[in-house]
Amino acid sequence: MLKDLFTSEAGVTSIEYALLGALIAVAIIAALSATGQENGGIWGRWTASFLSAISP
């Protein structure tokens, strides 16, 4: 019974996917943090341009 517990691979795949998802989340957060100030300026200019284009 104890041997079966240690040799079972039933939850291995889900743990691997969870670790991969966490790694991707960390990479996204790091990328957004590194370019955070630049992205704010880009989105601010885009929003201003869009609002001026749709205003009567």
Protein backbone atom coordinates (compact mmCIF):
# COMPACT_ATOMS: atom_id res chain seq x y z
CA MET A 1 0.00 0.00 0.00
CA LEU A 2 2.76 2.45 0.89
CA LYS A 3 4.71 1.41 -2.20
CA ASP A 4 1.70 2.25 -4.38
CA LEU A 5 1.53 5.72 -2.85
CA PHE A 6 5.10 6.54 -3.82
CA THR A 7 4.93 5.00 -7.32
CA SER A 8 1.59 6.52 -8.32
CA GLU A 9 1.85 9.13 -11.08
CA ALA A 10 -1.79 10.20 -11.10
CA GLY A 11 -1.23 13.80 -10.00
CA VAL A 12 2.13 14.39 -11.66
CA THR A 13 0.74 15.90 -14.86
CA SER A 14 -1.51 18.37 -13.07
CA ILE A 15 1.37 19.50 -10.87
CA GLU A 16 3.55 20.00 -13.94
CA TYR A 17 0.86 22.10 -15.61
CA ALA A 18 0.42 24.16 -12.45
CA LEU A 19 4.17 24.83 -12.27
CA LEU A 20 4.25 25.75 -15.96
CA GLY A 21 1.31 28.14 -15.48
CA ALA A 22 3.04 29.75 -12.50
CA LEU A 23 6.23 30.19 -14.53
CA ILE A 24 4.31 31.83 -17.37
CA ALA A 25 2.55 34.14 -14.90
CA VAL A 26 5.88 35.19 -13.38
CA ALA A 27 7.29 35.88 -16.86
CA ILE A 28 4.27 38.03 -17.78
CA ILE A 29 4.47 39.99 -14.54
CA ALA A 30 8.20 40.56 -15.01
CA ALA A 31 7.71 41.75 -18.59
CA LEU A 32 4.91 44.12 -17.63
CA SER A 33 6.90 45.47 -14.70
CA ALA A 34 9.93 46.11 -16.88
CA THR A 35 7.91 48.03 -19.46
CA GLY A 36 5.25 49.46 -17.16
CA GLN A 37 6.08 53.13 -17.56
CA GLU A 38 6.39 52.88 -21.34
CA ASN A 39 3.08 51.05 -21.68
CA GLY A 40 1.27 53.68 -19.65
CA GLY A 41 2.36 56.39 -22.07
CA ILE A 42 1.38 54.35 -25.11
CA TRP A 43 -2.07 53.56 -23.75
CA GLY A 44 -2.60 57.14 -22.61
CA ARG A 45 -1.84 58.50 -26.09
CA TRP A 46 -4.01 55.84 -27.73
CA THR A 47 -6.92 56.62 -25.41
CA ALA A 48 -6.66 60.36 -26.02
CA SER A 49 -6.50 59.81 -29.78
CA PHE A 50 -9.45 57.43 -29.71
CA LEU A 51 -11.60 59.72 -27.58
CA SER A 52 -10.86 62.71 -29.81
CA ALA A 53 -11.73 60.64 -32.89
CA ILE A 54 -15.14 59.58 -31.58
CA SER A 55 -16.18 62.83 -29.95
CA PRO A 56 -18.59 64.99 -31.99
